[in-house]
PDB file of N, CA and C in Angstrom:
ATOM      1  N   MET A   1      -0.523  -4.507   7.831  1.00  0.00           N
ATOM      2  CA  MET A   1      -0.628  -4.540   6.377  1.00  0.00           C
ATOM      3  C   MET A   1      -1.047  -3.163   5.846  1.00  0.00           C
ATOM      4  N   ILE A   2      -0.424  -2.764   4.781  1.00  0.00           N
ATOM      5  CA  ILE A   2      -0.731  -1.458   4.192  1.00  0.00           C
ATOM      6  C   ILE A   2      -1.970  -1.576   3.312  1.00  0.00           C
ATOM      7  N   ASN A   3      -2.939  -0.690   3.500  1.00  0.00           N
ATOM      8  CA  ASN A   3      -4.146  -0.742   2.684  1.00  0.00           C
ATOM      9  C   ASN A   3      -3.965   0.082   1.403  1.00  0.00           C
ATOM     10  N   LYS A   4      -4.953   0.032   0.550  1.00  0.00           N
ATOM     11  CA  LYS A   4      -4.882   0.719  -0.742  1.00  0.00           C
ATOM     12  C   LYS A   4      -4.681   2.222  -0.592  1.00  0.00           C
ATOM     13  N   GLU A   5      -5.423   2.826   0.330  1.00  0.00           N
ATOM     14  CA  GLU A   5      -5.315   4.267   0.522  1.00  0.00           C
ATOM     15  C   GLU A   5      -3.902   4.665   0.941  1.00  0.00           C
ATOM     16  N   GLU A   6      -3.292   3.862   1.816  1.00  0.00           N
ATOM     17  CA  GLU A   6      -1.932   4.161   2.264  1.00  0.00           C
ATOM     18  C   GLU A   6      -0.934   4.037   1.116  1.00  0.00           C
ATOM     19  N   LYS A   7      -1.132   3.038   0.255  1.00  0.00           N
ATOM     20  CA  LYS A   7      -0.253   2.877  -0.900  1.00  0.00           C
ATOM     21  C   LYS A   7      -0.391   4.058  -1.864  1.00  0.00           C
ATOM     22  N   ILE A   8      -1.621   4.507  -2.066  1.00  0.00           N
ATOM     23  CA  ILE A   8      -1.842   5.664  -2.953  1.00  0.00           C
ATOM     24  C   ILE A   8      -1.224   6.909  -2.342  1.00  0.00           C
ATOM     25  N   GLU A   9      -1.388   7.099  -1.047  1.00  0.00           N
ATOM     26  CA  GLU A   9      -0.778   8.258  -0.374  1.00  0.00           C
ATOM     27  C   GLU A   9       0.743   8.216  -0.504  1.00  0.00           C
ATOM     28  N   GLU A  10       1.307   7.020  -0.431  1.00  0.00           N
ATOM     29  CA  GLU A  10       2.757   6.856  -0.612  1.00  0.00           C
ATOM     30  C   GLU A  10       3.168   7.319  -2.015  1.00  0.00           C
ATOM     31  N   ALA A  11       2.396   6.914  -3.020  1.00  0.00           N
ATOM     32  CA  ALA A  11       2.689   7.326  -4.399  1.00  0.00           C
ATOM     33  C   ALA A  11       2.523   8.830  -4.562  1.00  0.00           C
ATOM     34  N   LEU A  12       1.480   9.387  -3.974  1.00  0.00           N
ATOM     35  CA  LEU A  12       1.252  10.829  -4.074  1.00  0.00           C
ATOM     36  C   LEU A  12       2.373  11.607  -3.383  1.00  0.00           C
ATOM     37  N   SER A  13       2.878  11.070  -2.298  1.00  0.00           N
ATOM     38  CA  SER A  13       3.979  11.730  -1.591  1.00  0.00           C
ATOM     39  C   SER A  13       5.220  11.830  -2.466  1.00  0.00           C
ATOM     40  N   SER A  14       5.379  10.880  -3.377  1.00  0.00           N
ATOM     41  CA  SER A  14       6.560  10.904  -4.250  1.00  0.00           C
ATOM     42  C   SER A  14       6.452  11.970  -5.341  1.00  0.00           C
ATOM     43  N   VAL A  15       5.225  12.366  -5.708  1.00  0.00           N
ATOM     44  CA  VAL A  15       5.063  13.378  -6.760  1.00  0.00           C
ATOM     45  C   VAL A  15       4.720  14.763  -6.206  1.00  0.00           C
ATOM     46  N   ARG A  16       4.295  14.821  -4.949  1.00  0.00           N
ATOM     47  CA  ARG A  16       3.903  16.109  -4.349  1.00  0.00           C
ATOM     48  C   ARG A  16       4.983  17.189  -4.423  1.00  0.00           C
ATOM     49  N   PRO A  17       6.243  16.873  -4.140  1.00  0.00           N
ATOM     50  CA  PRO A  17       7.260  17.939  -4.201  1.00  0.00           C
ATOM     51  C   PRO A  17       7.314  18.635  -5.565  1.00  0.00           C
ATOM     52  N   PHE A  18       7.111  17.876  -6.628  1.00  0.00           N
ATOM     53  CA  PHE A  18       7.124  18.455  -7.976  1.00  0.00           C
ATOM     54  C   PHE A  18       5.909  19.343  -8.209  1.00  0.00           C
ATOM     55  N   LEU A  19       4.767  18.904  -7.715  1.00  0.00           N
ATOM     56  CA  LEU A  19       3.550  19.702  -7.844  1.00  0.00           C
ATOM     57  C   LEU A  19       3.660  20.986  -7.023  1.00  0.00           C
ATOM     58  N   MET A  20       4.205  20.857  -5.830  1.00  0.00           N
ATOM     59  CA  MET A  20       4.304  22.001  -4.924  1.00  0.00           C
ATOM     60  C   MET A  20       5.290  23.055  -5.440  1.00  0.00           C
ATOM     61  N   MET A  21       6.299  22.632  -6.194  1.00  0.00           N
ATOM     62  CA  MET A  21       7.242  23.590  -6.770  1.00  0.00           C
ATOM     63  C   MET A  21       6.534  24.565  -7.701  1.00  0.00           C
ATOM     64  N   ASP A  22       5.432  24.109  -8.302  1.00  0.00           N
ATOM     65  CA  ASP A  22       4.664  24.946  -9.217  1.00  0.00           C
ATOM     66  C   ASP A  22       3.396  25.494  -8.569  1.00  0.00           C
ATOM     67  N   GLY A  23       3.290  25.383  -7.251  1.00  0.00           N
ATOM     68  CA  GLY A  23       2.148  25.950  -6.535  1.00  0.00           C
ATOM     69  C   GLY A  23       0.913  25.071  -6.516  1.00  0.00           C
ATOM     70  N   GLY A  24       1.086  23.775  -6.772  1.00  0.00           N
ATOM     71  CA  GLY A  24      -0.057  22.870  -6.794  1.00  0.00           C
ATOM     72  C   GLY A  24       0.046  21.782  -5.748  1.00  0.00           C
ATOM     73  N   ASN A  25      -0.946  20.929  -5.741  1.00  0.00           N
ATOM     74  CA  ASN A  25      -0.966  19.780  -4.847  1.00  0.00           C
ATOM     75  C   ASN A  25      -2.054  18.831  -5.332  1.00  0.00           C
ATOM     76  N   VAL A  26      -2.150  17.685  -4.697  1.00  0.00           N
ATOM     77  CA  VAL A  26      -3.139  16.685  -5.066  1.00  0.00           C
ATOM     78  C   VAL A  26      -3.633  16.002  -3.801  1.00  0.00           C
ATOM     79  N   GLU A  27      -4.899  15.609  -3.818  1.00  0.00           N
ATOM     80  CA  GLU A  27      -5.520  14.983  -2.650  1.00  0.00           C
ATOM     81  C   GLU A  27      -6.337  13.779  -3.109  1.00  0.00           C
ATOM     82  N   LEU A  28      -6.225  12.678  -2.387  1.00  0.00           N
ATOM     83  CA  LEU A  28      -7.013  11.489  -2.680  1.00  0.00           C
ATOM     84  C   LEU A  28      -8.455  11.717  -2.245  1.00  0.00           C
ATOM     85  N   VAL A  29      -9.394  11.504  -3.169  1.00  0.00           N
ATOM     86  CA  VAL A  29     -10.814  11.635  -2.851  1.00  0.00           C
ATOM     87  C   VAL A  29     -11.388  10.260  -2.532  1.00  0.00           C
ATOM     88  N   LYS A  30     -11.180   9.295  -3.451  1.00  0.00           N
ATOM     89  CA  LYS A  30     -11.692   7.943  -3.207  1.00  0.00           C
ATOM     90  C   LYS A  30     -11.048   6.957  -4.171  1.00  0.00           C
ATOM     91  N   ILE A  31     -11.166   5.692  -3.817  1.00  0.00           N
ATOM     92  CA  ILE A  31     -10.834   4.595  -4.718  1.00  0.00           C
ATOM     93  C   ILE A  31     -12.034   3.666  -4.692  1.00  0.00           C
ATOM     94  N   ASP A  32     -12.584   3.400  -5.864  1.00  0.00           N
ATOM     95  CA  ASP A  32     -13.788   2.567  -5.877  1.00  0.00           C
ATOM     96  C   ASP A  32     -13.445   1.095  -6.101  1.00  0.00           C
ATOM     97  N   ASP A  33     -14.441   0.252  -6.017  1.00  0.00           N
ATOM     98  CA  ASP A  33     -14.241  -1.190  -6.127  1.00  0.00           C
ATOM     99  C   ASP A  33     -13.819  -1.634  -7.521  1.00  0.00           C
ATOM    100  N   ASP A  34     -14.013  -0.775  -8.514  1.00  0.00           N
ATOM    101  CA  ASP A  34     -13.619  -1.093  -9.883  1.00  0.00           C
ATOM    102  C   ASP A  34     -12.178  -0.702 -10.191  1.00  0.00           C
ATOM    103  N   GLY A  35     -11.454  -0.199  -9.191  1.00  0.00           N
ATOM    104  CA  GLY A  35     -10.068   0.190  -9.402  1.00  0.00           C
ATOM    105  C   GLY A  35      -9.889   1.562 -10.013  1.00  0.00           C
ATOM    106  N   VAL A  36     -10.868   2.434  -9.821  1.00  0.00           N
ATOM    107  CA  VAL A  36     -10.771   3.806 -10.322  1.00  0.00           C
ATOM    108  C   VAL A  36     -10.461   4.722  -9.130  1.00  0.00           C
ATOM    109  N   VAL A  37      -9.371   5.455  -9.260  1.00  0.00           N
ATOM    110  CA  VAL A  37      -8.943   6.376  -8.213  1.00  0.00           C
ATOM    111  C   VAL A  37      -9.362   7.783  -8.616  1.00  0.00           C
ATOM    112  N   THR A  38     -10.013   8.485  -7.698  1.00  0.00           N
ATOM    113  CA  THR A  38     -10.403   9.875  -7.938  1.00  0.00           C
ATOM    114  C   THR A  38      -9.533  10.765  -7.062  1.00  0.00           C
ATOM    115  N   LEU A  39      -8.915  11.752  -7.713  1.00  0.00           N
ATOM    116  CA  LEU A  39      -8.054  12.705  -7.032  1.00  0.00           C
ATOM    117  C   LEU A  39      -8.603  14.110  -7.213  1.00  0.00           C
ATOM    118  N   LYS A  40      -8.254  14.988  -6.296  1.00  0.00           N
ATOM    119  CA  LYS A  40      -8.605  16.397  -6.436  1.00  0.00           C
ATOM    120  C   LYS A  40      -7.316  17.167  -6.665  1.00  0.00           C
ATOM    121  N   LEU A  41      -7.273  17.911  -7.775  1.00  0.00           N
ATOM    122  CA  LEU A  41      -6.125  18.763  -8.059  1.00  0.00           C
ATOM    123  C   LEU A  41      -6.330  20.088  -7.347  1.00  0.00           C
ATOM    124  N   LEU A  42      -5.312  20.533  -6.633  1.00  0.00           N
ATOM    125  CA  LEU A  42      -5.414  21.726  -5.799  1.00  0.00           C
ATOM    126  C   LEU A  42      -4.438  22.805  -6.255  1.00  0.00           C
ATOM    127  N   GLY A  43      -4.726  24.032  -5.863  1.00  0.00           N
ATOM    128  CA  GLY A  43      -3.841  25.149  -6.163  1.00  0.00           C
ATOM    129  C   GLY A  43      -3.663  25.352  -7.654  1.00  0.00           C
ATOM    130  N   ALA A  44      -2.434  25.583  -8.056  1.00  0.00           N
ATOM    131  CA  ALA A  44      -2.134  25.853  -9.462  1.00  0.00           C
ATOM    132  C   ALA A  44      -2.481  24.674 -10.364  1.00  0.00           C
ATOM    133  N   CYS A  45      -2.485  23.470  -9.829  1.00  0.00           N
ATOM    134  CA  CYS A  45      -2.795  22.277 -10.638  1.00  0.00           C
ATOM    135  C   CYS A  45      -4.237  22.280 -11.137  1.00  0.00           C
ATOM    136  N   SER A  46      -5.133  22.893 -10.383  1.00  0.00           N
ATOM    137  CA  SER A  46      -6.542  22.835 -10.756  1.00  0.00           C
ATOM    138  C   SER A  46      -6.853  23.598 -12.037  1.00  0.00           C
ATOM    139  N   GLY A  47      -6.044  24.590 -12.375  1.00  0.00           N
ATOM    140  CA  GLY A  47      -6.319  25.359 -13.582  1.00  0.00           C
ATOM    141  C   GLY A  47      -5.237  25.254 -14.644  1.00  0.00           C
ATOM    142  N   CYS A  48      -4.281  24.373 -14.411  1.00  0.00           N
ATOM    143  CA  CYS A  48      -3.133  24.271 -15.313  1.00  0.00           C
ATOM    144  C   CYS A  48      -3.498  23.516 -16.585  1.00  0.00           C
ATOM    145  N   SER A  49      -3.067  24.047 -17.719  1.00  0.00           N
ATOM    146  CA  SER A  49      -3.355  23.395 -18.998  1.00  0.00           C
ATOM    147  C   SER A  49      -2.581  22.084 -19.150  1.00  0.00           C
ATOM    148  N   MET A  50      -1.549  21.886 -18.367  1.00  0.00           N
ATOM    149  CA  MET A  50      -0.750  20.659 -18.436  1.00  0.00           C
ATOM    150  C   MET A  50      -1.207  19.607 -17.425  1.00  0.00           C
ATOM    151  N   SER A  51      -2.269  19.881 -16.686  1.00  0.00           N
ATOM    152  CA  SER A  51      -2.676  18.972 -15.613  1.00  0.00           C
ATOM    153  C   SER A  51      -3.039  17.583 -16.126  1.00  0.00           C
ATOM    154  N   HIS A  52      -3.641  17.489 -17.317  1.00  0.00           N
ATOM    155  CA  HIS A  52      -3.981  16.175 -17.862  1.00  0.00           C
ATOM    156  C   HIS A  52      -2.716  15.353 -18.098  1.00  0.00           C
ATOM    157  N   MET A  53      -1.698  15.991 -18.630  1.00  0.00           N
ATOM    158  CA  MET A  53      -0.440  15.301 -18.884  1.00  0.00           C
ATOM    159  C   MET A  53       0.241  14.907 -17.569  1.00  0.00           C
ATOM    160  N   THR A  54       0.205  15.798 -16.602  1.00  0.00           N
ATOM    161  CA  THR A  54       0.766  15.500 -15.287  1.00  0.00           C
ATOM    162  C   THR A  54       0.059  14.302 -14.677  1.00  0.00           C
ATOM    163  N   MET A  55      -1.275  14.248 -14.832  1.00  0.00           N
ATOM    164  CA  MET A  55      -2.044  13.128 -14.295  1.00  0.00           C
ATOM    165  C   MET A  55      -1.609  11.818 -14.914  1.00  0.00           C
ATOM    166  N   LYS A  56      -1.556  11.768 -16.240  1.00  0.00           N
ATOM    167  CA  LYS A  56      -1.274  10.511 -16.925  1.00  0.00           C
ATOM    168  C   LYS A  56       0.190  10.098 -16.812  1.00  0.00           C
ATOM    169  N   ALA A  57       1.101  11.036 -17.043  1.00  0.00           N
ATOM    170  CA  ALA A  57       2.516  10.692 -17.097  1.00  0.00           C
ATOM    171  C   ALA A  57       3.157  10.595 -15.718  1.00  0.00           C
ATOM    172  N   GLY A  58       2.647  11.335 -14.760  1.00  0.00           N
ATOM    173  CA  GLY A  58       3.284  11.353 -13.453  1.00  0.00           C
ATOM    174  C   GLY A  58       2.491  10.662 -12.366  1.00  0.00           C
ATOM    175  N   ILE A  59       1.339  11.209 -12.073  1.00  0.00           N
ATOM    176  CA  ILE A  59       0.569  10.732 -10.929  1.00  0.00           C
ATOM    177  C   ILE A  59       0.013   9.325 -11.155  1.00  0.00           C
ATOM    178  N   GLU A  60      -0.629   9.097 -12.302  1.00  0.00           N
ATOM    179  CA  GLU A  60      -1.213   7.770 -12.563  1.00  0.00           C
ATOM    180  C   GLU A  60      -0.128   6.704 -12.603  1.00  0.00           C
ATOM    181  N   GLU A  61       0.981   7.021 -13.227  1.00  0.00           N
ATOM    182  CA  GLU A  61       2.084   6.060 -13.306  1.00  0.00           C
ATOM    183  C   GLU A  61       2.611   5.704 -11.916  1.00  0.00           C
ATOM    184  N   ALA A  62       2.762   6.710 -11.051  1.00  0.00           N
ATOM    185  CA  ALA A  62       3.248   6.476  -9.694  1.00  0.00           C
ATOM    186  C   ALA A  62       2.276   5.598  -8.904  1.00  0.00           C
ATOM    187  N   ILE A  63       0.977   5.838  -9.068  1.00  0.00           N
ATOM    188  CA  ILE A  63      -0.029   5.050  -8.351  1.00  0.00           C
ATOM    189  C   ILE A  63      -0.043   3.607  -8.857  1.00  0.00           C
ATOM    190  N   LYS A  64      -0.027   3.425 -10.172  1.00  0.00           N
ATOM    191  CA  LYS A  64      -0.063   2.065 -10.727  1.00  0.00           C
ATOM    192  C   LYS A  64       1.200   1.277 -10.387  1.00  0.00           C
ATOM    193  N   LYS A  65       2.283   1.977 -10.134  1.00  0.00           N
ATOM    194  CA  LYS A  65       3.533   1.324  -9.760  1.00  0.00           C
ATOM    195  C   LYS A  65       3.400   0.654  -8.390  1.00  0.00           C
ATOM    196  N   VAL A  66       2.731   1.326  -7.446  1.00  0.00           N
ATOM    197  CA  VAL A  66       2.565   0.770  -6.102  1.00  0.00           C
ATOM    198  C   VAL A  66       1.287  -0.050  -5.955  1.00  0.00           C
ATOM    199  N   LEU A  67       0.344   0.135  -6.885  1.00  0.00           N
ATOM    200  CA  LEU A  67      -0.943  -0.552  -6.812  1.00  0.00           C
ATOM    201  C   LEU A  67      -1.387  -0.932  -8.225  1.00  0.00           C
ATOM    202  N   PRO A  68      -0.807  -2.006  -8.784  1.00  0.00           N
ATOM    203  CA  PRO A  68      -1.064  -2.377 -10.186  1.00  0.00           C
ATOM    204  C   PRO A  68      -2.528  -2.652 -10.524  1.00  0.00           C
ATOM    205  N   GLU A  69      -3.352  -2.961  -9.527  1.00  0.00           N
ATOM    206  CA  GLU A  69      -4.763  -3.256  -9.807  1.00  0.00           C
ATOM    207  C   GLU A  69      -5.586  -2.016 -10.129  1.00  0.00           C
ATOM    208  N   VAL A  70      -5.013  -0.839  -9.982  1.00  0.00           N
ATOM    209  CA  VAL A  70      -5.719   0.386 -10.345  1.00  0.00           C
ATOM    210  C   VAL A  70      -5.888   0.422 -11.870  1.00  0.00           C
ATOM    211  N   ARG A  71      -7.127   0.598 -12.300  1.00  0.00           N
ATOM    212  CA  ARG A  71      -7.433   0.650 -13.740  1.00  0.00           C
ATOM    213  C   ARG A  71      -7.244   2.035 -14.309  1.00  0.00           C
ATOM    214  N   SER A  72      -7.668   3.062 -13.587  1.00  0.00           N
ATOM    215  CA  SER A  72      -7.521   4.420 -14.083  1.00  0.00           C
ATOM    216  C   SER A  72      -7.536   5.413 -12.931  1.00  0.00           C
ATOM    217  N   VAL A  73      -7.028   6.599 -13.247  1.00  0.00           N
ATOM    218  CA  VAL A  73      -6.982   7.689 -12.278  1.00  0.00           C
ATOM    219  C   VAL A  73      -7.660   8.885 -12.927  1.00  0.00           C
ATOM    220  N   ILE A  74      -8.647   9.441 -12.227  1.00  0.00           N
ATOM    221  CA  ILE A  74      -9.338  10.620 -12.750  1.00  0.00           C
ATOM    222  C   ILE A  74      -9.170  11.750 -11.749  1.00  0.00           C
ATOM    223  N   ALA A  75      -9.281  12.977 -12.251  1.00  0.00           N
ATOM    224  CA  ALA A  75      -9.092  14.134 -11.385  1.00  0.00           C
ATOM    225  C   ALA A  75     -10.283  15.065 -11.457  1.00  0.00           C
ATOM    226  N   ILE A  76     -10.579  15.645 -10.314  1.00  0.00           N
ATOM    227  CA  ILE A  76     -11.559  16.730 -10.245  1.00  0.00           C
ATOM    228  C   ILE A  76     -10.777  17.955  -9.801  1.00  0.00           C
ATOM    229  N   ASN A  77     -11.200  19.100 -10.212  1.00  0.00           N
ATOM    230  CA  ASN A  77     -10.510  20.326  -9.826  1.00  0.00           C
ATOM    231  C   ASN A  77     -11.005  20.803  -8.476  1.00  0.00           C
ATOM    232  N   GLY A  78     -10.058  21.276  -7.671  1.00  0.00           N
ATOM    233  CA  GLY A  78     -10.376  21.711  -6.322  1.00  0.00           C
ATOM    234  C   GLY A  78     -10.800  23.147  -6.270  1.00  0.00           C
TER     235      GLY A  78
END
């Protein structure tokens, strides 16, 4: 059976190529019991002015698609 972390990694793998094209990446930090996923934005993503939009429109959507019980996705800069 696939666990939550594996499902999130699967979703992140689908968006990583787009992030990497711009010199960025993302890493799963944790998922808490309340359904909040914490990610670390790496490389160019950590200082990008569009990172909030990328989080909401791309990364969060991809994660919620594979794991609907996720309530929100937050990012810390790497």
